[in-house]
PDB file of N, CA and C in Angstrom:
ATOM      1  N   MET A   1      -4.756  23.053  18.101  1.00  0.00           N
ATOM      2  CA  MET A   1      -5.276  23.192  16.851  1.00  0.00           C
ATOM      3  C   MET A   1      -4.158  23.818  15.815  1.00  0.00           C
ATOM      4  N   LEU A   2      -3.961  23.491  14.801  1.00  0.00           N
ATOM      5  CA  LEU A   2      -2.951  24.066  13.861  1.00  0.00           C
ATOM      6  C   LEU A   2      -3.623  24.716  12.594  1.00  0.00           C
ATOM      7  N   MET A   3      -2.906  25.439  11.837  1.00  0.00           N
ATOM      8  CA  MET A   3      -3.311  26.040  10.738  1.00  0.00           C
ATOM      9  C   MET A   3      -2.783  25.049   9.646  1.00  0.00           C
ATOM     10  N   GLY A   4      -3.675  24.722   8.637  1.00  0.00           N
ATOM     11  CA  GLY A   4      -3.324  23.829   7.576  1.00  0.00           C
ATOM     12  C   GLY A   4      -2.501  24.590   6.523  1.00  0.00           C
ATOM     13  N   LYS A   5      -1.578  23.874   5.790  1.00  0.00           N
ATOM     14  CA  LYS A   5      -0.859  24.370   4.817  1.00  0.00           C
ATOM     15  C   LYS A   5      -1.521  25.025   3.647  1.00  0.00           C
ATOM     16  N   ASN A   6      -2.440  24.243   3.069  1.00  0.00           N
ATOM     17  CA  ASN A   6      -3.278  24.869   2.026  1.00  0.00           C
ATOM     18  C   ASN A   6      -4.243  25.789   2.424  1.00  0.00           C
ATOM     19  N   GLN A   7      -4.488  25.877   3.693  1.00  0.00           N
ATOM     20  CA  GLN A   7      -5.554  26.744   4.199  1.00  0.00           C
ATOM     21  C   GLN A   7      -4.917  28.103   4.945  1.00  0.00           C
ATOM     22  N   GLY A   8      -3.722  28.032   4.805  1.00  0.00           N
ATOM     23  CA  GLY A   8      -2.992  29.166   5.654  1.00  0.00           C
ATOM     24  C   GLY A   8      -3.353  30.532   5.315  1.00  0.00           C
ATOM     25  N   ASN A   9      -3.596  30.964   4.047  1.00  0.00           N
ATOM     26  CA  ASN A   9      -4.118  32.278   3.698  1.00  0.00           C
ATOM     27  C   ASN A   9      -5.437  32.579   4.078  1.00  0.00           C
ATOM     28  N   LYS A  10      -6.168  31.566   4.309  1.00  0.00           N
ATOM     29  CA  LYS A  10      -7.629  31.672   4.794  1.00  0.00           C
ATOM     30  C   LYS A  10      -7.746  31.954   6.152  1.00  0.00           C
ATOM     31  N   GLY A  11      -6.644  31.491   6.958  1.00  0.00           N
ATOM     32  CA  GLY A  11      -6.798  31.718   8.377  1.00  0.00           C
ATOM     33  C   GLY A  11      -7.764  30.646   8.958  1.00  0.00           C
ATOM     34  N   ILE A  12      -7.993  29.640   8.487  1.00  0.00           N
ATOM     35  CA  ILE A  12      -8.879  28.490   8.983  1.00  0.00           C
ATOM     36  C   ILE A  12      -7.922  27.522   9.861  1.00  0.00           C
ATOM     37  N   MET A  13      -8.319  27.478  11.005  1.00  0.00           N
ATOM     38  CA  MET A  13      -7.649  26.477  11.934  1.00  0.00           C
ATOM     39  C   MET A  13      -8.078  24.945  11.758  1.00  0.00           C
ATOM     40  N   ILE A  14      -7.152  24.023  11.697  1.00  0.00           N
ATOM     41  CA  ILE A  14      -7.438  22.669  11.517  1.00  0.00           C
ATOM     42  C   ILE A  14      -7.142  21.982  12.732  1.00  0.00           C
ATOM     43  N   ASP A  15      -8.292  21.342  13.471  1.00  0.00           N
ATOM     44  CA  ASP A  15      -7.879  20.443  14.539  1.00  0.00           C
ATOM     45  C   ASP A  15      -7.611  19.036  14.122  1.00  0.00           C
ATOM     46  N   TYR A  16      -6.456  18.722  14.207  1.00  0.00           N
ATOM     47  CA  TYR A  16      -5.969  17.431  13.502  1.00  0.00           C
ATOM     48  C   TYR A  16      -6.478  16.286  14.486  1.00  0.00           C
ATOM     49  N   ASP A  17      -6.558  16.569  15.820  1.00  0.00           N
ATOM     50  CA  ASP A  17      -7.129  15.519  16.739  1.00  0.00           C
ATOM     51  C   ASP A  17      -8.527  15.269  16.457  1.00  0.00           C
ATOM     52  N   ALA A  18      -9.376  16.190  16.089  1.00  0.00           N
ATOM     53  CA  ALA A  18     -10.713  16.033  15.635  1.00  0.00           C
ATOM     54  C   ALA A  18     -10.770  15.138  14.376  1.00  0.00           C
ATOM     55  N   ILE A  19      -9.991  15.316  13.539  1.00  0.00           N
ATOM     56  CA  ILE A  19      -9.938  14.686  12.288  1.00  0.00           C
ATOM     57  C   ILE A  19      -9.525  13.226  12.660  1.00  0.00           C
ATOM     58  N   ALA A  20      -8.496  13.031  13.485  1.00  0.00           N
ATOM     59  CA  ALA A  20      -8.064  11.685  13.914  1.00  0.00           C
ATOM     60  C   ALA A  20      -9.032  10.849  14.620  1.00  0.00           C
ATOM     61  N   ASN A  21      -9.993  11.628  15.225  1.00  0.00           N
ATOM     62  CA  ASN A  21     -10.988  10.933  15.930  1.00  0.00           C
ATOM     63  C   ASN A  21     -12.297  10.670  15.089  1.00  0.00           C
ATOM     64  N   GLN A  22     -12.398  11.044  13.799  1.00  0.00           N
ATOM     65  CA  GLN A  22     -13.516  10.879  12.963  1.00  0.00           C
ATOM     66  C   GLN A  22     -13.433   9.288  12.639  1.00  0.00           C
ATOM     67  N   GLU A  23     -14.604   8.706  12.640  1.00  0.00           N
ATOM     68  CA  GLU A  23     -14.788   7.349  12.247  1.00  0.00           C
ATOM     69  C   GLU A  23     -14.345   7.014  10.841  1.00  0.00           C
ATOM     70  N   SER A  24     -14.519   8.054   9.898  1.00  0.00           N
ATOM     71  CA  SER A  24     -14.145   7.832   8.472  1.00  0.00           C
ATOM     72  C   SER A  24     -12.530   7.881   8.360  1.00  0.00           C
ATOM     73  N   PHE A  25     -11.996   8.568   9.228  1.00  0.00           N
ATOM     74  CA  PHE A  25     -10.545   8.670   9.168  1.00  0.00           C
ATOM     75  C   PHE A  25      -9.934   7.226   9.776  1.00  0.00           C
ATOM     76  N   LYS A  26     -10.487   6.777  10.920  1.00  0.00           N
ATOM     77  CA  LYS A  26     -10.200   5.489  11.441  1.00  0.00           C
ATOM     78  C   LYS A  26     -10.367   4.461  10.458  1.00  0.00           C
ATOM     79  N   ALA A  27     -11.351   4.400   9.778  1.00  0.00           N
ATOM     80  CA  ALA A  27     -11.576   3.369   8.657  1.00  0.00           C
ATOM     81  C   ALA A  27     -10.604   3.448   7.596  1.00  0.00           C
ATOM     82  N   LEU A  28     -10.282   4.527   7.269  1.00  0.00           N
ATOM     83  CA  LEU A  28      -9.278   4.836   6.232  1.00  0.00           C
ATOM     84  C   LEU A  28      -7.867   4.185   6.639  1.00  0.00           C
ATOM     85  N   VAL A  29      -7.570   4.561   7.909  1.00  0.00           N
ATOM     86  CA  VAL A  29      -6.240   3.988   8.594  1.00  0.00           C
ATOM     87  C   VAL A  29      -6.252   2.407   8.628  1.00  0.00           C
ATOM     88  N   ARG A  30      -7.375   2.028   8.993  1.00  0.00           N
ATOM     89  CA  ARG A  30      -7.461   0.373   8.901  1.00  0.00           C
ATOM     90  C   ARG A  30      -7.484  -0.212   7.475  1.00  0.00           C
ATOM     91  N   LYS A  31      -7.918   0.419   6.567  1.00  0.00           N
ATOM     92  CA  LYS A  31      -7.908  -0.042   5.104  1.00  0.00           C
ATOM     93  C   LYS A  31      -6.497  -0.004   4.792  1.00  0.00           C
ATOM     94  N   LYS A  32      -5.818   1.023   5.102  1.00  0.00           N
ATOM     95  CA  LYS A  32      -4.397   1.300   4.544  1.00  0.00           C
ATOM     96  C   LYS A  32      -3.450   0.331   5.261  1.00  0.00           C
ATOM     97  N   LYS A  33      -3.645   0.167   6.459  1.00  0.00           N
ATOM     98  CA  LYS A  33      -2.817  -0.798   7.256  1.00  0.00           C
ATOM     99  C   LYS A  33      -2.808  -2.205   6.634  1.00  0.00           C
ATOM    100  N   SER A  34      -4.281  -2.551   6.539  1.00  0.00           N
ATOM    101  CA  SER A  34      -4.625  -3.921   6.083  1.00  0.00           C
ATOM    102  C   SER A  34      -3.911  -4.026   4.667  1.00  0.00           C
ATOM    103  N   PHE A  35      -4.037  -3.131   3.692  1.00  0.00           N
ATOM    104  CA  PHE A  35      -3.451  -3.160   2.372  1.00  0.00           C
ATOM    105  C   PHE A  35      -1.929  -3.345   2.554  1.00  0.00           C
ATOM    106  N   LEU A  36      -1.397  -2.443   3.247  1.00  0.00           N
ATOM    107  CA  LEU A  36       0.066  -2.444   3.147  1.00  0.00           C
ATOM    108  C   LEU A  36       0.713  -3.761   3.740  1.00  0.00           C
ATOM    109  N   TRP A  37       0.039  -4.134   4.898  1.00  0.00           N
ATOM    110  CA  TRP A  37       0.488  -5.502   5.530  1.00  0.00           C
ATOM    111  C   TRP A  37       0.418  -6.599   4.558  1.00  0.00           C
ATOM    112  N   SER A  38      -0.709  -6.824   3.836  1.00  0.00           N
ATOM    113  CA  SER A  38      -0.858  -7.992   3.079  1.00  0.00           C
ATOM    114  C   SER A  38       0.109  -7.767   1.789  1.00  0.00           C
ATOM    115  N   MET A  39       0.215  -6.612   1.223  1.00  0.00           N
ATOM    116  CA  MET A  39       1.168  -6.605   0.150  1.00  0.00           C
ATOM    117  C   MET A  39       2.730  -6.919   0.692  1.00  0.00           C
ATOM    118  N   THR A  40       2.942  -6.489   1.912  1.00  0.00           N
ATOM    119  CA  THR A  40       4.238  -6.694   2.420  1.00  0.00           C
ATOM    120  C   THR A  40       4.563  -8.236   2.579  1.00  0.00           C
ATOM    121  N   VAL A  41       3.656  -8.774   3.215  1.00  0.00           N
ATOM    122  CA  VAL A  41       3.665 -10.266   3.543  1.00  0.00           C
ATOM    123  C   VAL A  41       3.784 -11.152   2.143  1.00  0.00           C
ATOM    124  N   PHE A  42       2.899 -10.606   1.179  1.00  0.00           N
ATOM    125  CA  PHE A  42       2.858 -11.377  -0.163  1.00  0.00           C
ATOM    126  C   PHE A  42       4.174 -11.284  -0.854  1.00  0.00           C
ATOM    127  N   PHE A  43       4.832 -10.055  -0.842  1.00  0.00           N
ATOM    128  CA  PHE A  43       6.065  -9.719  -1.408  1.00  0.00           C
ATOM    129  C   PHE A  43       7.169 -10.524  -0.881  1.00  0.00           C
ATOM    130  N   LEU A  44       7.211 -10.276   0.500  1.00  0.00           N
ATOM    131  CA  LEU A  44       8.409 -11.059   1.285  1.00  0.00           C
ATOM    132  C   LEU A  44       8.276 -12.699   1.072  1.00  0.00           C
ATOM    133  N   ALA A  45       6.985 -13.087   1.059  1.00  0.00           N
ATOM    134  CA  ALA A  45       6.802 -14.603   0.973  1.00  0.00           C
ATOM    135  C   ALA A  45       7.269 -15.062  -0.546  1.00  0.00           C
ATOM    136  N   ALA A  46       7.029 -14.353  -1.559  1.00  0.00           N
ATOM    137  CA  ALA A  46       7.446 -14.565  -2.909  1.00  0.00           C
ATOM    138  C   ALA A  46       8.852 -14.501  -2.966  1.00  0.00           C
ATOM    139  N   TYR A  47       9.434 -13.523  -2.458  1.00  0.00           N
ATOM    140  CA  TYR A  47      10.802 -13.134  -2.653  1.00  0.00           C
ATOM    141  C   TYR A  47      11.574 -14.158  -1.943  1.00  0.00           C
ATOM    142  N   MET A  48      11.281 -14.570  -0.684  1.00  0.00           N
ATOM    143  CA  MET A  48      12.141 -15.405   0.199  1.00  0.00           C
ATOM    144  C   MET A  48      11.981 -16.877  -0.280  1.00  0.00           C
ATOM    145  N   LEU A  49      10.785 -17.171  -1.091  1.00  0.00           N
ATOM    146  CA  LEU A  49      10.719 -18.582  -1.537  1.00  0.00           C
ATOM    147  C   LEU A  49      11.826 -18.970  -2.462  1.00  0.00           C
ATOM    148  N   LEU A  50      12.277 -17.896  -3.235  1.00  0.00           N
ATOM    149  CA  LEU A  50      13.367 -18.241  -4.305  1.00  0.00           C
ATOM    150  C   LEU A  50      14.586 -19.002  -3.604  1.00  0.00           C
ATOM    151  N   PRO A  51      14.986 -18.207  -2.582  1.00  0.00           N
ATOM    152  CA  PRO A  51      16.283 -18.823  -2.118  1.00  0.00           C
ATOM    153  C   PRO A  51      15.984 -20.181  -1.345  1.00  0.00           C
ATOM    154  N   ILE A  52      14.825 -20.377  -0.749  1.00  0.00           N
ATOM    155  CA  ILE A  52      14.501 -21.478  -0.063  1.00  0.00           C
ATOM    156  C   ILE A  52      14.173 -22.690  -1.125  1.00  0.00           C
ATOM    157  N   LEU A  53      13.527 -22.308  -2.195  1.00  0.00           N
ATOM    158  CA  LEU A  53      13.368 -23.545  -3.097  1.00  0.00           C
ATOM    159  C   LEU A  53      14.622 -23.934  -3.980  1.00  0.00           C
ATOM    160  N   THR A  54      15.556 -22.965  -4.033  1.00  0.00           N
ATOM    161  CA  THR A  54      16.769 -23.253  -4.920  1.00  0.00           C
ATOM    162  C   THR A  54      17.764 -24.126  -3.895  1.00  0.00           C
ATOM    163  N   SER A  55      17.765 -23.568  -2.657  1.00  0.00           N
ATOM    164  CA  SER A  55      18.830 -24.129  -1.619  1.00  0.00           C
ATOM    165  C   SER A  55      18.336 -25.590  -1.183  1.00  0.00           C
ATOM    166  N   TYR A  56      17.136 -25.740  -0.964  1.00  0.00           N
ATOM    167  CA  TYR A  56      16.739 -26.933  -0.137  1.00  0.00           C
ATOM    168  C   TYR A  56      15.902 -27.931  -0.893  1.00  0.00           C
ATOM    169  N   THR A  57      15.470 -27.482  -2.126  1.00  0.00           N
ATOM    170  CA  THR A  57      14.797 -28.464  -3.076  1.00  0.00           C
ATOM    171  C   THR A  57      15.419 -28.521  -4.423  1.00  0.00           C
ATOM    172  N   THR A  58      14.896 -29.370  -5.245  1.00  0.00           N
ATOM    173  CA  THR A  58      15.312 -29.413  -6.552  1.00  0.00           C
ATOM    174  C   THR A  58      13.951 -29.059  -7.505  1.00  0.00           C
ATOM    175  N   VAL A  59      13.018 -28.562  -6.841  1.00  0.00           N
ATOM    176  CA  VAL A  59      11.892 -28.227  -7.687  1.00  0.00           C
ATOM    177  C   VAL A  59      12.126 -27.284  -8.990  1.00  0.00           C
ATOM    178  N   LEU A  60      12.998 -26.285  -8.681  1.00  0.00           N
ATOM    179  CA  LEU A  60      13.091 -25.267  -9.658  1.00  0.00           C
ATOM    180  C   LEU A  60      14.437 -25.438 -10.554  1.00  0.00           C
ATOM    181  N   HIS A  61      14.979 -26.693 -10.523  1.00  0.00           N
ATOM    182  CA  HIS A  61      15.962 -26.944 -11.110  1.00  0.00           C
ATOM    183  C   HIS A  61      15.775 -27.648 -12.397  1.00  0.00           C
ATOM    184  N   GLN A  62      14.381 -28.013 -12.541  1.00  0.00           N
ATOM    185  CA  GLN A  62      13.919 -28.787 -13.589  1.00  0.00           C
ATOM    186  C   GLN A  62      14.010 -27.845 -14.923  1.00  0.00           C
ATOM    187  N   LYS A  63      14.144 -28.531 -15.930  1.00  0.00           N
ATOM    188  CA  LYS A  63      14.100 -27.536 -17.318  1.00  0.00           C
ATOM    189  C   LYS A  63      12.732 -27.279 -17.518  1.00  0.00           C
ATOM    190  N   ALA A  64      12.492 -25.973 -17.857  1.00  0.00           N
ATOM    191  CA  ALA A  64      11.118 -25.360 -18.346  1.00  0.00           C
ATOM    192  C   ALA A  64      11.059 -25.298 -19.909  1.00  0.00           C
ATOM    193  N   PHE A  65      11.919 -24.506 -20.566  1.00  0.00           N
ATOM    194  CA  PHE A  65      11.933 -24.439 -21.989  1.00  0.00           C
ATOM    195  C   PHE A  65      13.429 -24.558 -22.479  1.00  0.00           C
ATOM    196  N   GLY A  66      13.763 -25.606 -23.185  1.00  0.00           N
ATOM    197  CA  GLY A  66      15.018 -25.763 -23.702  1.00  0.00           C
ATOM    198  C   GLY A  66      16.093 -26.040 -22.480  1.00  0.00           C
ATOM    199  N   GLU A  67      17.022 -25.016 -22.537  1.00  0.00           N
ATOM    200  CA  GLU A  67      17.983 -25.215 -21.392  1.00  0.00           C
ATOM    201  C   GLU A  67      17.701 -24.300 -20.268  1.00  0.00           C
ATOM    202  N   ILE A  68      16.580 -23.498 -20.335  1.00  0.00           N
ATOM    203  CA  ILE A  68      16.222 -22.468 -19.209  1.00  0.00           C
ATOM    204  C   ILE A  68      15.414 -23.485 -18.141  1.00  0.00           C
ATOM    205  N   THR A  69      15.945 -23.162 -17.028  1.00  0.00           N
ATOM    206  CA  THR A  69      15.229 -23.938 -15.791  1.00  0.00           C
ATOM    207  C   THR A  69      14.040 -22.963 -15.147  1.00  0.00           C
ATOM    208  N   TRP A  70      13.501 -23.623 -14.286  1.00  0.00           N
ATOM    209  CA  TRP A  70      12.250 -22.975 -13.884  1.00  0.00           C
ATOM    210  C   TRP A  70      12.920 -21.801 -12.737  1.00  0.00           C
ATOM    211  N   VAL A  71      14.054 -21.898 -12.279  1.00  0.00           N
ATOM    212  CA  VAL A  71      14.609 -20.839 -11.452  1.00  0.00           C
ATOM    213  C   VAL A  71      14.626 -19.498 -12.240  1.00  0.00           C
ATOM    214  N   TRP A  72      14.944 -19.604 -13.421  1.00  0.00           N
ATOM    215  CA  TRP A  72      14.977 -18.266 -14.308  1.00  0.00           C
ATOM    216  C   TRP A  72      13.555 -17.861 -14.526  1.00  0.00           C
ATOM    217  N   VAL A  73      12.480 -18.784 -14.763  1.00  0.00           N
ATOM    218  CA  VAL A  73      11.351 -18.290 -14.837  1.00  0.00           C
ATOM    219  C   VAL A  73      10.701 -17.683 -13.677  1.00  0.00           C
ATOM    220  N   TYR A  74      10.906 -18.381 -12.501  1.00  0.00           N
ATOM    221  CA  TYR A  74      10.550 -17.830 -11.212  1.00  0.00           C
ATOM    222  C   TYR A  74      11.276 -16.369 -10.922  1.00  0.00           C
ATOM    223  N   SER A  75      12.561 -16.379 -11.222  1.00  0.00           N
ATOM    224  CA  SER A  75      13.209 -15.059 -10.932  1.00  0.00           C
ATOM    225  C   SER A  75      12.597 -13.904 -11.839  1.00  0.00           C
ATOM    226  N   ALA A  76      12.366 -14.318 -13.160  1.00  0.00           N
ATOM    227  CA  ALA A  76      11.771 -13.251 -13.963  1.00  0.00           C
ATOM    228  C   ALA A  76      10.362 -12.783 -13.456  1.00  0.00           C
ATOM    229  N   GLY A  77       9.708 -13.865 -13.015  1.00  0.00           N
ATOM    230  CA  GLY A  77       8.338 -13.650 -12.343  1.00  0.00           C
ATOM    231  C   GLY A  77       8.358 -12.491 -11.325  1.00  0.00           C
ATOM    232  N   LEU A  78       9.596 -12.644 -10.558  1.00  0.00           N
ATOM    233  CA  LEU A  78       9.704 -11.626  -9.462  1.00  0.00           C
ATOM    234  C   LEU A  78       9.865 -10.350 -10.029  1.00  0.00           C
ATOM    235  N   PHE A  79      10.414 -10.188 -11.056  1.00  0.00           N
ATOM    236  CA  PHE A  79      10.658  -8.704 -11.443  1.00  0.00           C
ATOM    237  C   PHE A  79       9.177  -8.387 -11.990  1.00  0.00           C
ATOM    238  N   ILE A  80       8.432  -9.159 -12.764  1.00  0.00           N
ATOM    239  CA  ILE A  80       7.015  -8.765 -13.216  1.00  0.00           C
ATOM    240  C   ILE A  80       6.147  -8.584 -12.009  1.00  0.00           C
ATOM    241  N   MET A  81       6.309  -9.337 -10.981  1.00  0.00           N
ATOM    242  CA  MET A  81       5.488  -9.087  -9.584  1.00  0.00           C
ATOM    243  C   MET A  81       5.688  -8.006  -9.136  1.00  0.00           C
ATOM    244  N   THR A  82       7.053  -7.485  -9.108  1.00  0.00           N
ATOM    245  CA  THR A  82       7.391  -6.242  -8.380  1.00  0.00           C
ATOM    246  C   THR A  82       6.773  -4.977  -9.166  1.00  0.00           C
ATOM    247  N   TRP A  83       6.807  -5.002 -10.369  1.00  0.00           N
ATOM    248  CA  TRP A  83       6.275  -3.977 -11.353  1.00  0.00           C
ATOM    249  C   TRP A  83       4.718  -3.967 -10.966  1.00  0.00           C
ATOM    250  N   CYS A  84       4.100  -5.054 -11.166  1.00  0.00           N
ATOM    251  CA  CYS A  84       2.835  -5.136 -10.862  1.00  0.00           C
ATOM    252  C   CYS A  84       2.220  -4.660  -9.315  1.00  0.00           C
ATOM    253  N   LEU A  85       3.103  -5.001  -8.507  1.00  0.00           N
ATOM    254  CA  LEU A  85       2.775  -4.522  -7.090  1.00  0.00           C
ATOM    255  C   LEU A  85       2.926  -3.032  -7.080  1.00  0.00           C
ATOM    256  N   CYS A  86       3.871  -2.506  -7.701  1.00  0.00           N
ATOM    257  CA  CYS A  86       4.090  -1.055  -7.720  1.00  0.00           C
ATOM    258  C   CYS A  86       3.006  -0.321  -8.397  1.00  0.00           C
ATOM    259  N   HIS A  87       2.452  -0.777  -9.442  1.00  0.00           N
ATOM    260  CA  HIS A  87       1.338  -0.250 -10.243  1.00  0.00           C
ATOM    261  C   HIS A  87       0.029  -0.313  -9.355  1.00  0.00           C
ATOM    262  N   LEU A  88      -0.139  -1.390  -8.712  1.00  0.00           N
ATOM    263  CA  LEU A  88      -1.220  -1.625  -7.792  1.00  0.00           C
ATOM    264  C   LEU A  88      -1.242  -0.669  -6.548  1.00  0.00           C
ATOM    265  N   TYR A  89      -0.022  -0.585  -6.025  1.00  0.00           N
ATOM    266  CA  TYR A  89       0.332   0.439  -4.865  1.00  0.00           C
ATOM    267  C   TYR A  89      -0.150   1.935  -5.308  1.00  0.00           C
ATOM    268  N   VAL A  90       0.191   2.228  -6.531  1.00  0.00           N
ATOM    269  CA  VAL A  90       0.061   3.616  -6.816  1.00  0.00           C
ATOM    270  C   VAL A  90      -1.428   3.734  -7.010  1.00  0.00           C
ATOM    271  N   ALA A  91      -2.110   2.952  -7.631  1.00  0.00           N
ATOM    272  CA  ALA A  91      -3.608   3.113  -7.882  1.00  0.00           C
ATOM    273  C   ALA A  91      -4.236   3.025  -6.528  1.00  0.00           C
ATOM    274  N   LYS A  92      -3.774   2.143  -5.612  1.00  0.00           N
ATOM    275  CA  LYS A  92      -4.465   2.105  -4.261  1.00  0.00           C
ATOM    276  C   LYS A  92      -4.207   3.424  -3.605  1.00  0.00           C
ATOM    277  N   ALA A  93      -2.969   3.986  -3.651  1.00  0.00           N
ATOM    278  CA  ALA A  93      -2.635   5.175  -2.852  1.00  0.00           C
ATOM    279  C   ALA A  93      -3.491   6.281  -3.497  1.00  0.00           C
ATOM    280  N   ASN A  94      -3.716   6.413  -4.903  1.00  0.00           N
ATOM    281  CA  ASN A  94      -4.542   7.431  -5.345  1.00  0.00           C
ATOM    282  C   ASN A  94      -5.920   7.206  -4.781  1.00  0.00           C
ATOM    283  N   SER A  95      -6.497   6.121  -4.493  1.00  0.00           N
ATOM    284  CA  SER A  95      -7.750   6.021  -4.124  1.00  0.00           C
ATOM    285  C   SER A  95      -7.852   6.276  -2.511  1.00  0.00           C
ATOM    286  N   PHE A  96      -6.623   6.152  -1.832  1.00  0.00           N
ATOM    287  CA  PHE A  96      -6.523   6.528  -0.548  1.00  0.00           C
ATOM    288  C   PHE A  96      -6.493   8.069  -0.428  1.00  0.00           C
ATOM    289  N   ASP A  97      -5.853   8.761  -1.354  1.00  0.00           N
ATOM    290  CA  ASP A  97      -5.827  10.221  -1.462  1.00  0.00           C
ATOM    291  C   ASP A  97      -7.179  10.843  -1.575  1.00  0.00           C
ATOM    292  N   LYS A  98      -8.020  10.195  -2.435  1.00  0.00           N
ATOM    293  CA  LYS A  98      -9.505  10.621  -2.676  1.00  0.00           C
ATOM    294  C   LYS A  98     -10.201  10.368  -1.344  1.00  0.00           C
ATOM    295  N   GLU A  99      -9.998   9.496  -0.713  1.00  0.00           N
ATOM    296  CA  GLU A  99     -10.776   9.221   0.716  1.00  0.00           C
ATOM    297  C   GLU A  99     -10.303  10.104   1.623  1.00  0.00           C
ATOM    298  N   ALA A 100      -8.939  10.496   1.601  1.00  0.00           N
ATOM    299  CA  ALA A 100      -8.487  11.505   2.606  1.00  0.00           C
ATOM    300  C   ALA A 100      -9.077  12.789   2.331  1.00  0.00           C
ATOM    301  N   LYS A 101      -9.118  13.261   1.065  1.00  0.00           N
ATOM    302  CA  LYS A 101      -9.690  14.609   0.701  1.00  0.00           C
ATOM    303  C   LYS A 101     -11.328  14.551   1.103  1.00  0.00           C
ATOM    304  N   ALA A 102     -11.771  13.474   1.054  1.00  0.00           N
ATOM    305  CA  ALA A 102     -13.271  13.374   1.288  1.00  0.00           C
ATOM    306  C   ALA A 102     -13.288  13.671   2.878  1.00  0.00           C
ATOM    307  N   ILE A 103     -12.463  12.857   3.653  1.00  0.00           N
ATOM    308  CA  ILE A 103     -12.504  13.166   5.056  1.00  0.00           C
ATOM    309  C   ILE A 103     -12.116  14.603   5.395  1.00  0.00           C
ATOM    310  N   ILE A 104     -11.219  15.411   4.783  1.00  0.00           N
ATOM    311  CA  ILE A 104     -10.983  16.693   5.181  1.00  0.00           C
ATOM    312  C   ILE A 104     -12.335  17.565   4.730  1.00  0.00           C
ATOM    313  N   ALA A 105     -12.936  17.309   3.644  1.00  0.00           N
ATOM    314  CA  ALA A 105     -14.254  17.898   3.348  1.00  0.00           C
ATOM    315  C   ALA A 105     -15.308  17.676   4.321  1.00  0.00           C
ATOM    316  N   GLU A 106     -15.379  16.485   4.770  1.00  0.00           N
ATOM    317  CA  GLU A 106     -16.338  16.139   5.829  1.00  0.00           C
ATOM    318  C   GLU A 106     -15.867  17.048   7.167  1.00  0.00           C
ATOM    319  N   TYR A 107     -14.610  17.185   7.369  1.00  0.00           N
ATOM    320  CA  TYR A 107     -14.231  18.006   8.684  1.00  0.00           C
ATOM    321  C   TYR A 107     -14.674  19.489   8.294  1.00  0.00           C
ATOM    322  N   GLU A 108     -14.374  19.961   7.192  1.00  0.00           N
ATOM    323  CA  GLU A 108     -14.629  21.409   6.788  1.00  0.00           C
ATOM    324  C   GLU A 108     -15.998  21.629   6.836  1.00  0.00           C
ATOM    325  N   ASN A 109     -16.863  20.709   6.642  1.00  0.00           N
ATOM    326  CA  ASN A 109     -18.386  20.813   6.550  1.00  0.00           C
ATOM    327  C   ASN A 109     -18.952  20.794   7.965  1.00  0.00           C
ATOM    328  N   GLY A 110     -18.173  20.675   9.031  1.00  0.00           N
ATOM    329  CA  GLY A 110     -18.603  20.320  10.310  1.00  0.00           C
ATOM    330  C   GLY A 110     -18.517  19.022  11.001  1.00  0.00           C
ATOM    331  N   GLY A 111     -18.286  18.123  10.137  1.00  0.00           N
ATOM    332  CA  GLY A 111     -18.254  16.653  10.657  1.00  0.00           C
ATOM    333  C   GLY A 111     -16.911  16.447  11.500  1.00  0.00           C
ATOM    334  N   GLY A 112     -16.924  15.924  12.597  1.00  0.00           N
ATOM    335  CA  GLY A 112     -15.816  15.637  13.436  1.00  0.00           C
ATOM    336  C   GLY A 112     -15.404  16.702  14.353  1.00  0.00           C
ATOM    337  N   ARG A 113     -16.034  17.950  14.270  1.00  0.00           N
ATOM    338  CA  ARG A 113     -15.511  18.987  15.179  1.00  0.00           C
ATOM    339  C   ARG A 113     -16.165  18.843  16.500  1.00  0.00           C
ATOM    340  N   ARG A 114     -15.339  19.263  17.487  1.00  0.00           N
ATOM    341  CA  ARG A 114     -15.970  19.147  18.989  1.00  0.00           C
ATOM    342  C   ARG A 114     -16.674  20.444  19.245  1.00  0.00           C
TER     343      ARG A 114
END
């Protein structure tokens, strides 16, 4: 059992193993892992598709607007996608933080203690 940072002056001991064994904590970890892996796979697939499509096909070499080819449109889309994924990640991380606070409150109210 360790003393929590924000609880240091109160002298409350926090059993991190008990928190880790709570079903609500395990569910949060599963949700985080699922979200992070799916975002990672989506980002890497979209990112790696650019060199594959430009090197081995002519799909992106066609003109889209005037002299601009689809490779430029796709590349600009990757920048937009990165910004969108960053905003999505921050929003999701904030919701995970709220769930983590609820788990700590559950622990402090006697849930998950041995």
